[in-house]
Amino acid sequence: MKLKIITGLSGSGKTTALRAYEDMGYYAMDNSPAYLIEKFIELNETQANPIEKMAVVIDFRSHNLDSDMKQSFLNLKEKNEDTEIIYIYCNDSVLLTRYNEHRRPHPLGDYGNVADGIEKEKELLKEIRQISDRFIDTSNYNAKELKKVIEDSASNENNMIINLLSFGYKYGVSEDFDFIFDVRFLPNPFYIYELKPLNGTDEKLKAYLDQFPIIDEFLDDTYKLLTKLIPEFKNQGKNTLTIAIGCTGGKHRSVYIAQALYEKMKDDDYILIMKHREKDRW
C-alpha cells in the first residue's frame, strides 16, 4: 500500500495536505494513532479489495495515546515498505498570524498561549521530524498553493520544491529566502507615466524591459547558477528552496524577472511554485 503519513505543526496546513491527497484518490484519515494504522494495514492485507493508497494525519494529538511515537512511526515504515513521512511546518511568525486571524488558542499553550504552544509542539515532534522523509515549509503558501505542491509531488520523481517569489524591498526582506536577486539595476518603469500603473505580467511593460540586453544575460547567468547549485542543496538533504527576486516596490521589475525565470525553469524536474508577494498592493 502507498502510505503517506502527514505530520508537523498545528496551523501549518496538515488538513489541507490531507484533503489534497483525498482528492487524488487516497483513503484519508485524520488524527489516528500510529499503532492503529499498523493494525489497519494488517487488516487491509486480508481484504479481497485492499486499499492501495492511504493518507493519514498523525501529530501531537497521538502523544497521549502512544508512549513511543517515534518507534510507532518506524514500525509503520517497516511493516509497509512504501511509506513516506511528510513533515509540514512554517515559521513562528506565520503561525502566530494564522492563529490570531482565526482567533484560536493553541491546544498545547498554557491558557491557550500560541507562542508557548508552538514551542511545546516542536519539542514533542522533534524526534518525528528527524525521521521524516520530506519537508514542506508552508510559510509562503496559501491553501491552493500547498495543494499544488502535493499534487505535483505525486507525478514528480524529484521532490525538490522551488519557490519563485517576487517582492518589494520597501516591504521588507523575509528570513525564509534562500537566494535573493536584487534587480534594482534595471531601468524602473515606475518613472514612465504610461507604464507606472501596469505590473510585470503586462505585455506592454514586458515589451519595454525586453529591449535591454542585460536582461537576457542576467537570466542566463542566474539560471546556470541555480541549475548548478540546486542539486548540491538536495544532496545536503534540503528539499525546499525559496528564490526571491526583489525590486523597490515588488510590482514591475521583480515580477517581470520572476516570470521570465519561471519560464526557463518550468520544464525542469522540480516542483515549481510561482508567487508575487506584493500582488495585493498592485
C-alpha atoms as a PDB file:
ATOM      1  CA  MET A   1       0.000   0.000   0.000  1.00  0.00           C
ATOM      2  CA  LYS A   2       1.185   3.531  -0.779  1.00  0.00           C
ATOM      3  CA  LEU A   3       1.050   5.282   2.596  1.00  0.00           C
ATOM      4  CA  LYS A   4       1.546   8.993   3.221  1.00  0.00           C
ATOM      5  CA  ILE A   5       1.934   9.961   6.886  1.00  0.00           C
ATOM      6  CA  ILE A   6       1.302  13.674   7.311  1.00  0.00           C
ATOM      7  CA  THR A   7       2.690  15.213  10.478  1.00  0.00           C
ATOM      8  CA  GLY A   8       4.053  18.543  11.659  1.00  0.00           C
ATOM      9  CA  LEU A   9       2.983  21.731  13.381  1.00  0.00           C
ATOM     10  CA  SER A  10      -0.589  22.754  14.116  1.00  0.00           C
ATOM     11  CA  GLY A  11      -1.707  25.527  11.782  1.00  0.00           C
ATOM     12  CA  SER A  12       0.871  24.704   9.122  1.00  0.00           C
ATOM     13  CA  GLY A  13      -1.543  23.062   6.657  1.00  0.00           C
ATOM     14  CA  LYS A  14      -1.781  19.348   7.506  1.00  0.00           C
ATOM     15  CA  THR A  15      -5.535  19.250   6.892  1.00  0.00           C
ATOM     16  CA  THR A  16      -5.116  20.960   3.515  1.00  0.00           C
ATOM     17  CA  ALA A  17      -2.469  18.388   2.562  1.00  0.00           C
ATOM     18  CA  LEU A  18      -4.735  15.536   3.647  1.00  0.00           C
ATOM     19  CA  ARG A  19      -7.598  16.864   1.528  1.00  0.00           C
ATOM     20  CA  ALA A  20      -5.279  17.171  -1.460  1.00  0.00           C
ATOM     21  CA  TYR A  21      -4.354  13.503  -1.179  1.00  0.00           C
ATOM     22  CA  GLU A  22      -8.021  12.591  -0.737  1.00  0.00           C
ATOM     23  CA  ASP A  23      -8.795  14.451  -3.993  1.00  0.00           C
ATOM     24  CA  MET A  24      -6.136  12.297  -5.665  1.00  0.00           C
ATOM     25  CA  GLY A  25      -7.908   9.096  -4.658  1.00  0.00           C
ATOM     26  CA  TYR A  26      -6.203   8.341  -1.351  1.00  0.00           C
ATOM     27  CA  TYR A  27      -8.221   6.924   1.515  1.00  0.00           C
ATOM     28  CA  ALA A  28      -7.886   9.756   4.041  1.00  0.00           C
ATOM     29  CA  MET A  29      -7.848   9.560   7.826  1.00  0.00           C
ATOM     30  CA  ASP A  30      -7.257  12.350  10.327  1.00  0.00           C
ATOM     31  CA  ASN A  31      -5.984  12.155  13.911  1.00  0.00           C
ATOM     32  CA  SER A  32      -5.245   8.460  14.214  1.00  0.00           C
ATOM     33  CA  PRO A  33      -2.539   6.969  16.481  1.00  0.00           C
ATOM     34  CA  ALA A  34       0.259   5.250  14.584  1.00  0.00           C
ATOM     35  CA  TYR A  35      -0.307   1.880  16.241  1.00  0.00           C
ATOM     36  CA  LEU A  36      -3.917   1.838  14.962  1.00  0.00           C
ATOM     37  CA  ILE A  37      -2.676   2.450  11.415  1.00  0.00           C
ATOM     38  CA  GLU A  38      -0.374  -0.530  11.872  1.00  0.00           C
ATOM     39  CA  LYS A  39      -3.403  -2.665  12.729  1.00  0.00           C
ATOM     40  CA  PHE A  40      -5.285  -1.164   9.789  1.00  0.00           C
ATOM     41  CA  ILE A  41      -2.510  -2.244   7.420  1.00  0.00           C
ATOM     42  CA  GLU A  42      -2.687  -5.804   8.732  1.00  0.00           C
ATOM     43  CA  LEU A  43      -6.456  -5.871   8.274  1.00  0.00           C
ATOM     44  CA  ASN A  44      -6.253  -4.302   4.830  1.00  0.00           C
ATOM     45  CA  GLU A  45      -3.943  -7.063   3.603  1.00  0.00           C
ATOM     46  CA  THR A  46      -6.648  -9.647   4.270  1.00  0.00           C
ATOM     47  CA  GLN A  47      -9.339  -7.885   2.241  1.00  0.00           C
ATOM     48  CA  ALA A  48     -10.497  -9.054  -1.183  1.00  0.00           C
ATOM     49  CA  ASN A  49     -10.144  -5.498  -2.499  1.00  0.00           C
ATOM     50  CA  PRO A  50      -7.475  -3.890  -0.320  1.00  0.00           C
ATOM     51  CA  ILE A  51      -6.956  -0.134  -0.203  1.00  0.00           C
ATOM     52  CA  GLU A  52      -3.987   0.755  -2.389  1.00  0.00           C
ATOM     53  CA  LYS A  53      -3.406   4.379  -1.363  1.00  0.00           C
ATOM     54  CA  MET A  54      -3.849   5.931   2.062  1.00  0.00           C
ATOM     55  CA  ALA A  55      -3.016   9.300   3.626  1.00  0.00           C
ATOM     56  CA  VAL A  56      -3.230   9.844   7.369  1.00  0.00           C
ATOM     57  CA  VAL A  57      -2.510  12.731   9.727  1.00  0.00           C
ATOM     58  CA  ILE A  58      -0.595  11.669  12.840  1.00  0.00           C
ATOM     59  CA  ASP A  59       0.514  14.552  15.050  1.00  0.00           C
ATOM     60  CA  PHE A  60       0.936  15.626  18.669  1.00  0.00           C
ATOM     61  CA  ARG A  61      -2.633  14.535  19.435  1.00  0.00           C
ATOM     62  CA  SER A  62      -1.376  10.941  19.349  1.00  0.00           C
ATOM     63  CA  HIS A  63       1.214  11.629  22.027  1.00  0.00           C
ATOM     64  CA  ASN A  64      -1.097  10.895  24.958  1.00  0.00           C
ATOM     65  CA  LEU A  65      -2.204   7.638  23.315  1.00  0.00           C
ATOM     66  CA  ASP A  66       1.200   6.412  22.184  1.00  0.00           C
ATOM     67  CA  SER A  67       4.079   6.100  24.644  1.00  0.00           C
ATOM     68  CA  ASP A  68       6.685   5.977  21.849  1.00  0.00           C
ATOM     69  CA  MET A  69       5.538   7.794  18.708  1.00  0.00           C
ATOM     70  CA  LYS A  70       8.925   7.582  17.051  1.00  0.00           C
ATOM     71  CA  GLN A  71       9.059   3.796  17.331  1.00  0.00           C
ATOM     72  CA  SER A  72       5.475   3.523  16.106  1.00  0.00           C
ATOM     73  CA  PHE A  73       6.409   5.536  13.016  1.00  0.00           C
ATOM     74  CA  LEU A  74       9.423   3.292  12.422  1.00  0.00           C
ATOM     75  CA  ASN A  75       7.235   0.216  12.847  1.00  0.00           C
ATOM     76  CA  LEU A  76       4.905   1.552  10.171  1.00  0.00           C
ATOM     77  CA  LYS A  77       7.794   2.042   7.756  1.00  0.00           C
ATOM     78  CA  GLU A  78       8.995  -1.488   8.463  1.00  0.00           C
ATOM     79  CA  LYS A  79       5.564  -3.057   8.080  1.00  0.00           C
ATOM     80  CA  ASN A  80       4.655  -1.105   4.932  1.00  0.00           C
ATOM     81  CA  GLU A  81       7.581  -0.600   2.553  1.00  0.00           C
ATOM     82  CA  ASP A  82       6.008   2.221   0.531  1.00  0.00           C
ATOM     83  CA  THR A  83       5.605   4.654   3.422  1.00  0.00           C
ATOM     84  CA  GLU A  84       6.569   8.319   3.330  1.00  0.00           C
ATOM     85  CA  ILE A  85       6.574  10.614   6.357  1.00  0.00           C
ATOM     86  CA  ILE A  86       5.809  14.205   5.333  1.00  0.00           C
ATOM     87  CA  TYR A  87       6.598  16.898   7.891  1.00  0.00           C
ATOM     88  CA  ILE A  88       4.678  20.144   7.326  1.00  0.00           C
ATOM     89  CA  TYR A  89       5.738  23.316   9.092  1.00  0.00           C
ATOM     90  CA  CYS A  90       6.119  27.083   8.772  1.00  0.00           C
ATOM     91  CA  ASN A  91       7.925  29.814  10.654  1.00  0.00           C
ATOM     92  CA  ASP A  92       6.701  31.012  14.029  1.00  0.00           C
ATOM     93  CA  SER A  93       5.610  34.472  12.881  1.00  0.00           C
ATOM     94  CA  VAL A  94       3.345  32.980  10.209  1.00  0.00           C
ATOM     95  CA  LEU A  95       1.847  30.520  12.703  1.00  0.00           C
ATOM     96  CA  LEU A  96       1.158  33.352  15.139  1.00  0.00           C
ATOM     97  CA  THR A  97      -0.544  35.358  12.406  1.00  0.00           C
ATOM     98  CA  ARG A  98      -2.701  32.398  11.346  1.00  0.00           C
ATOM     99  CA  TYR A  99      -3.811  31.716  14.917  1.00  0.00           C
ATOM    100  CA  ASN A 100      -4.568  35.390  15.515  1.00  0.00           C
ATOM    101  CA  GLU A 101      -6.564  35.668  12.278  1.00  0.00           C
ATOM    102  CA  HIS A 102      -8.745  32.718  13.272  1.00  0.00           C
ATOM    103  CA  ARG A 103      -8.837  33.785  16.937  1.00  0.00           C
ATOM    104  CA  ARG A 104      -7.871  30.291  18.061  1.00  0.00           C
ATOM    105  CA  PRO A 105      -5.832  29.301  21.117  1.00  0.00           C
ATOM    106  CA  HIS A 106      -3.020  26.806  20.660  1.00  0.00           C
ATOM    107  CA  PRO A 107      -4.067  23.416  22.098  1.00  0.00           C
ATOM    108  CA  LEU A 108      -0.717  22.983  23.860  1.00  0.00           C
ATOM    109  CA  GLY A 109      -0.261  26.534  25.127  1.00  0.00           C
ATOM    110  CA  ASP A 110      -0.865  27.412  28.765  1.00  0.00           C
ATOM    111  CA  TYR A 111      -4.224  29.215  28.803  1.00  0.00           C
ATOM    112  CA  GLY A 112      -4.175  28.980  25.008  1.00  0.00           C
ATOM    113  CA  ASN A 113      -0.915  30.937  24.627  1.00  0.00           C
ATOM    114  CA  VAL A 114       0.107  30.422  20.987  1.00  0.00           C
ATOM    115  CA  ALA A 115       3.863  31.067  21.232  1.00  0.00           C
ATOM    116  CA  ASP A 116       4.130  28.740  24.233  1.00  0.00           C
ATOM    117  CA  GLY A 117       2.134  26.054  22.425  1.00  0.00           C
ATOM    118  CA  ILE A 118       4.325  26.241  19.293  1.00  0.00           C
ATOM    119  CA  GLU A 119       7.493  25.638  21.314  1.00  0.00           C
ATOM    120  CA  LYS A 120       5.954  22.704  23.191  1.00  0.00           C
ATOM    121  CA  GLU A 121       4.731  21.130  19.957  1.00  0.00           C
ATOM    122  CA  LYS A 122       8.165  21.453  18.322  1.00  0.00           C
ATOM    123  CA  GLU A 123       9.686  19.639  21.266  1.00  0.00           C
ATOM    124  CA  LEU A 124       7.069  16.864  21.162  1.00  0.00           C
ATOM    125  CA  LEU A 125       7.665  16.302  17.444  1.00  0.00           C
ATOM    126  CA  LYS A 126      11.452  16.749  17.433  1.00  0.00           C
ATOM    127  CA  GLU A 127      12.202  13.036  17.034  1.00  0.00           C
ATOM    128  CA  ILE A 128       9.477  12.631  14.406  1.00  0.00           C
ATOM    129  CA  ARG A 129      10.997  15.447  12.381  1.00  0.00           C
ATOM    130  CA  GLN A 130      14.373  13.686  12.475  1.00  0.00           C
ATOM    131  CA  ILE A 131      12.987  10.557  10.801  1.00  0.00           C
ATOM    132  CA  SER A 132      10.735  12.330   8.271  1.00  0.00           C
ATOM    133  CA  ASP A 133      11.326  11.766   4.563  1.00  0.00           C
ATOM    134  CA  ARG A 134      10.046  15.042   3.157  1.00  0.00           C
ATOM    135  CA  PHE A 135       9.589  18.549   4.496  1.00  0.00           C
ATOM    136  CA  ILE A 136       7.180  21.183   3.250  1.00  0.00           C
ATOM    137  CA  ASP A 137       7.557  24.750   4.517  1.00  0.00           C
ATOM    138  CA  THR A 138       4.200  26.465   4.036  1.00  0.00           C
ATOM    139  CA  SER A 139       5.303  29.908   5.261  1.00  0.00           C
ATOM    140  CA  ASN A 140       4.715  31.443   1.834  1.00  0.00           C
ATOM    141  CA  TYR A 141       1.768  29.265   0.720  1.00  0.00           C
ATOM    142  CA  ASN A 142      -1.959  29.659   0.791  1.00  0.00           C
ATOM    143  CA  ALA A 143      -4.164  26.556   0.709  1.00  0.00           C
ATOM    144  CA  LYS A 144      -4.332  26.489  -3.099  1.00  0.00           C
ATOM    145  CA  GLU A 145      -0.554  26.647  -3.455  1.00  0.00           C
ATOM    146  CA  LEU A 146       0.024  23.884  -0.907  1.00  0.00           C
ATOM    147  CA  LYS A 147      -2.496  21.723  -2.751  1.00  0.00           C
ATOM    148  CA  LYS A 148      -0.494  22.272  -5.963  1.00  0.00           C
ATOM    149  CA  VAL A 149       2.726  21.182  -4.216  1.00  0.00           C
ATOM    150  CA  ILE A 150       1.052  17.969  -3.058  1.00  0.00           C
ATOM    151  CA  GLU A 151      -0.449  17.268  -6.486  1.00  0.00           C
ATOM    152  CA  ASP A 152       2.810  17.958  -8.336  1.00  0.00           C
ATOM    153  CA  SER A 153       4.788  15.734  -5.956  1.00  0.00           C
ATOM    154  CA  ALA A 154       2.638  12.770  -6.965  1.00  0.00           C
ATOM    155  CA  SER A 155       3.891  12.923 -10.553  1.00  0.00           C
ATOM    156  CA  ASN A 156       7.387  14.286  -9.932  1.00  0.00           C
ATOM    157  CA  GLU A 157      10.158  11.872  -9.004  1.00  0.00           C
ATOM    158  CA  ASN A 158      12.359  14.746  -7.855  1.00  0.00           C
ATOM    159  CA  ASN A 159      10.574  16.139  -4.800  1.00  0.00           C
ATOM    160  CA  MET A 160      12.664  19.316  -4.755  1.00  0.00           C
ATOM    161  CA  ILE A 161      10.311  22.264  -4.205  1.00  0.00           C
ATOM    162  CA  ILE A 162      11.422  25.536  -5.765  1.00  0.00           C
ATOM    163  CA  ASN A 163       9.546  28.680  -4.714  1.00  0.00           C
ATOM    164  CA  LEU A 164       9.998  31.589  -7.108  1.00  0.00           C
ATOM    165  CA  LEU A 165       8.960  34.750  -5.304  1.00  0.00           C
ATOM    166  CA  SER A 166       8.904  38.382  -6.354  1.00  0.00           C
ATOM    167  CA  PHE A 167       8.919  41.002  -3.589  1.00  0.00           C
ATOM    168  CA  GLY A 168       9.445  44.692  -2.841  1.00  0.00           C
ATOM    169  CA  TYR A 169      12.344  45.810  -0.663  1.00  0.00           C
ATOM    170  CA  LYS A 170      10.234  48.637   0.751  1.00  0.00           C
ATOM    171  CA  TYR A 171       8.057  45.993   2.439  1.00  0.00           C
ATOM    172  CA  GLY A 172      10.920  44.039   3.976  1.00  0.00           C
ATOM    173  CA  VAL A 173      13.125  41.003   3.322  1.00  0.00           C
ATOM    174  CA  SER A 174      11.963  37.685   4.778  1.00  0.00           C
ATOM    175  CA  GLU A 175      14.205  35.323   6.718  1.00  0.00           C
ATOM    176  CA  ASP A 176      12.739  32.481   4.656  1.00  0.00           C
ATOM    177  CA  PHE A 177      14.583  33.475   1.459  1.00  0.00           C
ATOM    178  CA  ASP A 178      17.431  31.146   0.437  1.00  0.00           C
ATOM    179  CA  PHE A 179      18.534  33.195  -2.581  1.00  0.00           C
ATOM    180  CA  ILE A 180      17.906  36.899  -3.137  1.00  0.00           C
ATOM    181  CA  PHE A 181      18.485  38.521  -6.518  1.00  0.00           C
ATOM    182  CA  ASP A 182      18.275  42.308  -6.459  1.00  0.00           C
ATOM    183  CA  VAL A 183      17.050  43.581  -9.845  1.00  0.00           C
ATOM    184  CA  ARG A 184      17.009  47.270  -8.992  1.00  0.00           C
ATOM    185  CA  PHE A 185      19.854  47.670 -11.507  1.00  0.00           C
ATOM    186  CA  LEU A 186      17.225  47.505 -14.268  1.00  0.00           C
ATOM    187  CA  PRO A 187      15.506  50.643 -15.628  1.00  0.00           C
ATOM    188  CA  ASN A 188      12.475  51.386 -13.472  1.00  0.00           C
ATOM    189  CA  PRO A 189       9.089  51.523 -15.296  1.00  0.00           C
ATOM    190  CA  PHE A 190       7.707  53.339 -12.250  1.00  0.00           C
ATOM    191  CA  TYR A 191       9.057  56.595 -13.698  1.00  0.00           C
ATOM    192  CA  ILE A 192       7.379  56.147 -17.082  1.00  0.00           C
ATOM    193  CA  TYR A 193       3.872  57.585 -16.988  1.00  0.00           C
ATOM    194  CA  GLU A 194       2.122  55.004 -19.184  1.00  0.00           C
ATOM    195  CA  LEU A 195       3.908  52.043 -17.560  1.00  0.00           C
ATOM    196  CA  LYS A 196       3.573  53.021 -13.900  1.00  0.00           C
ATOM    197  CA  PRO A 197       0.005  51.595 -13.458  1.00  0.00           C
ATOM    198  CA  LEU A 198       0.994  48.256 -15.032  1.00  0.00           C
ATOM    199  CA  ASN A 199       2.669  45.265 -13.406  1.00  0.00           C
ATOM    200  CA  GLY A 200       5.392  42.892 -14.549  1.00  0.00           C
ATOM    201  CA  THR A 201       2.959  40.457 -16.167  1.00  0.00           C
ATOM    202  CA  ASP A 202       1.601  43.072 -18.574  1.00  0.00           C
ATOM    203  CA  GLU A 203       2.690  42.633 -22.208  1.00  0.00           C
ATOM    204  CA  LYS A 204       3.333  46.350 -22.705  1.00  0.00           C
ATOM    205  CA  LEU A 205       5.650  46.501 -19.707  1.00  0.00           C
ATOM    206  CA  LYS A 206       7.379  43.285 -20.764  1.00  0.00           C
ATOM    207  CA  ALA A 207       7.971  44.731 -24.227  1.00  0.00           C
ATOM    208  CA  TYR A 208       9.643  47.748 -22.651  1.00  0.00           C
ATOM    209  CA  LEU A 209      12.013  45.665 -20.483  1.00  0.00           C
ATOM    210  CA  ASP A 210      12.692  43.113 -23.230  1.00  0.00           C
ATOM    211  CA  GLN A 211      14.705  45.709 -25.134  1.00  0.00           C
ATOM    212  CA  PHE A 212      17.571  45.762 -22.633  1.00  0.00           C
ATOM    213  CA  PRO A 213      20.312  43.173 -23.471  1.00  0.00           C
ATOM    214  CA  ILE A 214      21.441  42.899 -19.833  1.00  0.00           C
ATOM    215  CA  ILE A 215      18.209  41.076 -19.014  1.00  0.00           C
ATOM    216  CA  ASP A 216      18.943  38.046 -21.201  1.00  0.00           C
ATOM    217  CA  GLU A 217      22.474  37.904 -19.813  1.00  0.00           C
ATOM    218  CA  PHE A 218      21.193  38.113 -16.250  1.00  0.00           C
ATOM    219  CA  LEU A 219      18.566  35.399 -16.810  1.00  0.00           C
ATOM    220  CA  ASP A 220      21.045  33.042 -18.481  1.00  0.00           C
ATOM    221  CA  ASP A 221      23.675  33.518 -15.771  1.00  0.00           C
ATOM    222  CA  THR A 222      21.130  33.146 -12.968  1.00  0.00           C
ATOM    223  CA  TYR A 223      19.635  30.007 -14.491  1.00  0.00           C
ATOM    224  CA  LYS A 224      23.089  28.431 -14.914  1.00  0.00           C
ATOM    225  CA  LEU A 225      23.976  29.251 -11.302  1.00  0.00           C
ATOM    226  CA  LEU A 226      20.736  27.774  -9.926  1.00  0.00           C
ATOM    227  CA  THR A 227      20.981  24.683 -12.123  1.00  0.00           C
ATOM    228  CA  LYS A 228      24.424  24.043 -10.694  1.00  0.00           C
ATOM    229  CA  LEU A 229      23.611  24.724  -7.045  1.00  0.00           C
ATOM    230  CA  ILE A 230      20.131  23.219  -6.595  1.00  0.00           C
ATOM    231  CA  PRO A 231      21.355  19.588  -6.819  1.00  0.00           C
ATOM    232  CA  GLU A 232      24.004  20.373  -4.200  1.00  0.00           C
ATOM    233  CA  PHE A 233      21.341  21.618  -1.786  1.00  0.00           C
ATOM    234  CA  LYS A 234      19.365  18.433  -2.440  1.00  0.00           C
ATOM    235  CA  ASN A 235      22.471  16.334  -1.718  1.00  0.00           C
ATOM    236  CA  GLN A 236      22.666  18.036   1.682  1.00  0.00           C
ATOM    237  CA  GLY A 237      19.108  16.940   2.479  1.00  0.00           C
ATOM    238  CA  LYS A 238      17.327  20.213   1.707  1.00  0.00           C
ATOM    239  CA  ASN A 239      14.201  19.729  -0.391  1.00  0.00           C
ATOM    240  CA  THR A 240      12.776  23.262  -0.421  1.00  0.00           C
ATOM    241  CA  LEU A 241      14.379  26.438  -1.767  1.00  0.00           C
ATOM    242  CA  THR A 242      12.924  29.915  -1.963  1.00  0.00           C
ATOM    243  CA  ILE A 243      14.428  32.062  -4.712  1.00  0.00           C
ATOM    244  CA  ALA A 244      13.411  35.677  -4.197  1.00  0.00           C
ATOM    245  CA  ILE A 245      13.594  38.407  -6.832  1.00  0.00           C
ATOM    246  CA  GLY A 246      13.419  41.907  -5.401  1.00  0.00           C
ATOM    247  CA  CYS A 247      12.888  45.422  -6.707  1.00  0.00           C
ATOM    248  CA  THR A 248      11.766  48.558  -4.919  1.00  0.00           C
ATOM    249  CA  GLY A 249       8.004  48.013  -4.825  1.00  0.00           C
ATOM    250  CA  GLY A 250       7.564  44.427  -5.994  1.00  0.00           C
ATOM    251  CA  LYS A 251       5.307  45.385  -8.892  1.00  0.00           C
ATOM    252  CA  HIS A 252       7.363  45.882 -12.067  1.00  0.00           C
ATOM    253  CA  ARG A 253      10.930  44.600 -12.416  1.00  0.00           C
ATOM    254  CA  SER A 254      10.922  41.784  -9.855  1.00  0.00           C
ATOM    255  CA  VAL A 255       7.617  40.419 -11.195  1.00  0.00           C
ATOM    256  CA  TYR A 256       8.888  40.555 -14.783  1.00  0.00           C
ATOM    257  CA  ILE A 257      12.160  38.742 -13.924  1.00  0.00           C
ATOM    258  CA  ALA A 258      10.445  36.147 -11.723  1.00  0.00           C
ATOM    259  CA  GLN A 259       8.019  35.327 -14.544  1.00  0.00           C
ATOM    260  CA  ALA A 260      10.899  35.056 -17.042  1.00  0.00           C
ATOM    261  CA  LEU A 261      12.874  32.789 -14.713  1.00  0.00           C
ATOM    262  CA  TYR A 262       9.774  30.639 -14.226  1.00  0.00           C
ATOM    263  CA  GLU A 263       9.572  30.139 -17.993  1.00  0.00           C
ATOM    264  CA  LYS A 264      13.184  28.942 -18.027  1.00  0.00           C
ATOM    265  CA  MET A 265      12.681  26.520 -15.133  1.00  0.00           C
ATOM    266  CA  LYS A 266       9.140  25.220 -15.655  1.00  0.00           C
ATOM    267  CA  ASP A 267      10.170  22.150 -17.652  1.00  0.00           C
ATOM    268  CA  ASP A 268      12.947  21.133 -15.238  1.00  0.00           C
ATOM    269  CA  ASP A 269      12.439  18.262 -12.831  1.00  0.00           C
ATOM    270  CA  TYR A 270      11.264  20.341  -9.862  1.00  0.00           C
ATOM    271  CA  ILE A 271       8.023  21.181  -8.142  1.00  0.00           C
ATOM    272  CA  LEU A 272       7.909  24.841  -9.130  1.00  0.00           C
ATOM    273  CA  ILE A 273       5.707  27.401  -7.373  1.00  0.00           C
ATOM    274  CA  MET A 274       5.368  30.996  -8.592  1.00  0.00           C
ATOM    275  CA  LYS A 275       4.207  33.754  -6.253  1.00  0.00           C
ATOM    276  CA  HIS A 276       4.192  37.558  -6.223  1.00  0.00           C
ATOM    277  CA  ARG A 277       4.289  38.624  -2.577  1.00  0.00           C
ATOM    278  CA  GLU A 278       3.078  42.170  -3.113  1.00  0.00           C
ATOM    279  CA  LYS A 279       0.261  41.333  -5.548  1.00  0.00           C
ATOM    280  CA  ASP A 280      -2.426  42.658  -3.181  1.00  0.00           C
ATOM    281  CA  ARG A 281      -0.666  46.041  -3.254  1.00  0.00           C
ATOM    282  CA  TRP A 282      -0.714  46.449  -7.049  1.00  0.00           C
END
